[in-house]
Protein backbone atom coordinates (compact mmCIF):
# COMPACT_ATOMS: atom_id res chain seq x y z
CA MET A 1 100.43 133.22 87.36
CA ALA A 2 102.97 132.59 89.85
CA ASP A 3 102.10 135.97 91.58
CA ALA A 4 98.48 135.23 91.58
CA SER A 5 99.12 131.82 92.98
CA LYS A 6 101.32 133.12 95.62
CA SER A 7 98.78 135.46 96.96
CA LEU A 8 96.26 132.90 97.02
CA LEU A 9 98.63 130.35 98.92
CA GLU A 10 99.27 133.10 101.16
CA ARG A 11 95.61 133.67 101.93
CA VAL A 12 95.07 129.90 102.22
CA GLN A 13 97.86 129.71 104.81
CA ILE A 14 96.23 132.31 107.23
CA GLN A 15 92.81 130.75 107.21
CA PRO A 16 91.72 128.15 109.81
CA ALA A 17 91.94 124.44 108.51
CA GLU A 18 88.21 124.19 107.73
CA LYS A 19 88.19 127.29 105.47
CA GLN A 20 91.54 126.05 103.82
CA SER A 21 89.91 122.76 102.76
CA ASP A 22 86.92 124.73 101.29
CA GLU A 23 89.01 127.33 99.37
CA LEU A 24 91.38 124.60 97.97
CA ARG A 25 88.52 122.47 96.86
CA ASN A 26 86.98 125.54 95.35
CA MET A 27 90.18 126.43 93.57
CA ILE A 28 90.52 122.96 91.78
CA GLY A 29 86.77 122.50 91.13
CA ARG A 30 86.67 119.11 92.81
CA ARG A 31 83.56 119.52 94.61
CA THR A 32 80.61 118.94 92.52
CA SER A 33 77.99 119.96 94.99
CA ASN A 34 79.45 123.50 95.41
CA PRO A 35 77.18 125.89 93.63
CA LEU A 36 80.22 128.13 92.85
CA VAL A 37 81.86 125.70 90.77
CA LYS A 38 80.37 125.54 87.24
CA SER A 39 80.59 122.29 85.40
CA ASN A 40 81.08 123.63 81.86
CA PRO A 41 83.75 123.40 79.27
CA VAL A 42 85.33 126.64 80.19
CA GLN A 43 85.37 125.80 83.75
CA LYS A 44 86.81 122.37 83.05
CA LYS A 45 89.79 124.14 81.10
CA LEU A 46 90.38 126.47 84.04
CA ASP A 47 90.38 123.56 86.45
CA ALA A 48 92.82 121.62 84.45
CA ARG A 49 95.25 124.80 84.43
CA LEU A 50 95.00 124.81 88.34
CA THR A 51 95.44 121.12 88.58
CA GLN A 52 98.00 120.30 85.78
CA TYR A 53 101.47 121.05 86.45
CA SER A 54 104.46 120.45 84.44
CA GLU A 55 107.70 118.96 85.91
CA GLY A 56 109.41 122.28 85.05
CA SER A 57 107.15 124.40 87.18
CA SER A 58 107.07 122.78 90.58
CA GLU A 59 107.03 125.94 92.46
CA MET A 60 103.26 125.51 93.48
CA ILE A 61 103.96 121.90 94.53
CA ASP A 62 106.89 123.07 96.67
CA GLN A 63 104.73 125.66 98.25
CA VAL A 64 102.10 123.21 99.29
CA ARG A 65 104.67 120.90 100.52
CA ASP A 66 106.07 123.73 102.77
CA MET A 67 102.61 124.52 104.07
CA LEU A 68 102.07 120.81 104.80
CA GLU A 69 105.37 120.86 106.97
CA THR A 70 103.70 123.39 109.40
CA ASN A 71 100.21 121.57 109.16
CA PRO A 72 100.74 117.89 108.21
CA ASP A 73 97.35 116.86 108.94
CA ASN A 74 95.46 119.42 106.78
CA GLU A 75 93.23 117.31 104.73
CA GLY A 76 92.67 120.18 102.14
CA LEU A 77 96.36 120.52 101.47
CA LEU A 78 96.90 116.69 101.27
CA ASP A 79 94.25 116.28 98.92
CA TRP A 80 95.46 119.15 96.55
CA LEU A 81 98.95 117.76 96.57
CA ALA A 82 97.80 114.34 95.97
CA PHE A 83 95.67 115.46 93.13
CA MET A 84 98.52 117.44 91.48
CA MET A 85 100.56 114.20 91.80
CA TYR A 86 98.00 112.18 90.13
CA THR A 87 97.35 114.50 87.29
CA ASN A 88 101.03 114.65 86.55
CA GLU A 89 101.29 110.83 86.63
CA ARG A 90 103.64 110.85 89.71
CA LEU A 91 101.49 107.75 90.98
CA SER A 92 103.75 106.56 93.81
CA GLU A 93 103.75 109.98 95.38
CA ALA A 94 100.05 110.27 94.85
CA VAL A 95 99.55 106.72 96.56
CA THR A 96 101.37 107.87 99.58
CA LEU A 97 99.23 110.98 99.88
CA TYR A 98 96.06 109.30 99.25
CA GLU A 99 96.92 106.70 101.85
CA ARG A 100 97.74 109.43 104.33
CA LEU A 101 94.33 111.21 103.66
CA ILE A 102 92.60 108.07 104.37
CA GLU A 103 94.29 107.44 107.55
CA LEU A 104 93.05 110.98 108.63
CA ASN A 105 89.55 110.33 107.24
CA SER A 106 88.57 106.79 106.64
CA LYS A 107 85.13 108.02 105.13
CA ASN A 108 86.86 110.14 102.21
CA SER A 109 85.28 108.36 99.19
CA GLN A 110 87.28 110.72 96.69
CA ALA A 111 90.45 109.63 98.26
CA TYR A 112 89.59 106.01 97.86
CA TYR A 113 88.51 106.57 94.24
CA TYR A 114 91.65 108.42 93.30
CA LEU A 115 93.83 105.93 95.15
CA ALA A 116 92.24 103.27 93.13
CA ASN A 117 92.82 104.98 89.92
CA CYS A 118 96.39 105.24 90.96
CA TYR A 119 96.72 101.68 91.46
CA PHE A 120 94.97 100.77 88.27
CA LYS A 121 97.36 103.00 86.29
CA MET A 122 100.07 101.15 88.01
CA GLY A 123 98.84 97.81 87.02
CA ARG A 124 97.60 96.83 90.44
CA SER A 125 94.00 96.01 89.42
CA GLU A 126 93.06 93.88 92.35
CA GLN A 127 93.88 96.87 94.63
CA ALA A 128 92.08 99.17 92.54
CA ILE A 129 89.09 97.21 92.70
CA MET A 130 89.23 97.05 96.39
CA GLY A 131 89.55 101.00 96.46
CA TRP A 132 86.63 101.61 94.08
CA ARG A 133 84.55 99.21 96.21
CA GLN A 134 85.19 101.16 99.22
CA ALA A 135 84.37 104.50 97.46
CA LEU A 136 81.18 102.86 96.19
CA ILE A 137 80.30 101.74 99.75
CA LEU A 138 80.97 105.13 101.30
CA SER A 139 79.15 107.09 98.43
CA PRO A 140 76.91 104.94 96.35
CA GLU A 141 74.69 107.70 94.87
CA SER A 142 77.38 110.23 94.15
CA LYS A 143 79.30 110.76 91.15
CA VAL A 144 82.38 109.22 92.82
CA GLY A 145 80.26 106.00 93.64
CA ARG A 146 78.88 105.86 89.90
CA LYS A 147 82.32 106.07 88.47
CA SER A 148 83.74 103.68 90.96
CA LYS A 149 81.09 101.16 89.87
CA ALA A 150 81.84 101.72 86.14
CA ARG A 151 85.56 101.41 86.82
CA ILE A 152 85.14 98.13 88.78
CA SER A 153 83.23 96.61 85.78
CA MET A 154 86.06 97.89 83.47
CA ALA A 155 88.78 96.41 85.70
CA ARG A 156 86.97 93.14 85.95
CA ALA A 157 86.78 93.01 82.24
CA LYS A 158 90.50 93.63 81.83
CA ILE A 159 91.38 91.11 84.54
CA PHE A 160 89.23 88.23 83.22
CA GLY A 161 89.39 89.19 79.46
CA ASN A 162 85.83 89.86 79.19
CA GLU A 163 84.41 92.31 76.46
CA LEU A 164 82.23 95.11 78.03
């Protein structure tokens, strides 16, 4: 898998930033409106393999970080690395990366959503609610918006001790 990943990363490096972002999103299956990405159980397992990294196999993470050194404002690479950190419960690192994504694009509802998820997992419920609200404002009819709305209700119930 390392050889396949390396060749993929090499392809991503030589493409313009716009194509990098599209290819990275296709790779991890995060763009739900993309007709190339199927939402079925097999695809979900493949997506998990691409986005779940164990601490012992940080080669891919290091490669993405290296690419970010030459192109620190590449939203696709930042998003990819942030999601890798998020899925591996490296929440402080994910928060930093999602905050950087939001600095670059304040209309990125997905970044707000995952930033809020990080905050919630870290026990920072109020900040999580603010992030989910922003995601909901930016993208109310999308999957991210609907998930944000549900998470706001869940977090409020946790804060105020109400049963859902």
